[in-house]
Protein backbone atom coordinates (compact mmCIF):
# COMPACT_ATOMS: atom_id res chain seq x y z
CA MET A 1 71.30 113.10 -10.49
CA ASP A 2 67.80 113.89 -9.20
CA THR A 3 66.63 114.58 -12.75
CA ILE A 4 67.72 111.10 -13.84
CA ALA A 5 66.02 109.52 -10.83
CA ASN A 6 62.77 111.29 -11.70
CA CYS A 7 62.90 110.05 -15.30
CA MET A 8 63.64 106.36 -14.72
CA SER A 9 63.75 103.73 -12.01
CA ARG A 10 67.04 102.67 -10.43
CA ASN A 11 66.79 99.25 -12.06
CA ARG A 12 66.41 100.84 -15.50
CA PHE A 13 69.39 103.12 -14.82
CA GLU A 14 71.59 100.18 -13.76
CA THR A 15 70.57 98.25 -16.88
CA LEU A 16 71.53 101.25 -19.01
CA LEU A 17 74.93 101.51 -17.28
CA ARG A 18 75.56 97.80 -17.90
CA PHE A 19 74.67 98.21 -21.58
CA LEU A 20 77.02 101.18 -21.93
CA HIS A 21 79.78 99.28 -20.14
CA PHE A 22 79.46 96.32 -22.53
CA SER A 23 79.34 98.63 -25.54
CA ASP A 24 82.54 100.34 -24.39
CA ASN A 25 84.26 96.97 -24.03
CA ASP A 26 83.18 95.93 -27.53
CA LYS A 27 84.70 99.08 -29.02
CA LYS A 28 88.03 98.44 -27.30
CA ALA A 29 88.04 94.79 -28.37
CA SER A 30 87.34 95.62 -32.03
CA ALA A 31 89.99 98.38 -32.04
CA ARG A 32 92.72 95.93 -30.97
CA PRO A 33 94.85 94.44 -33.76
CA ALA A 34 94.21 90.73 -34.24
């Protein structure tokens, strides 16, 4: 965890987590039969 903190700010890390969360949701939504 310290390595990540040294590489990027907390705000940048939270933005990245939000992006990954939305990407994960998109994959699940597209995998569902219509």
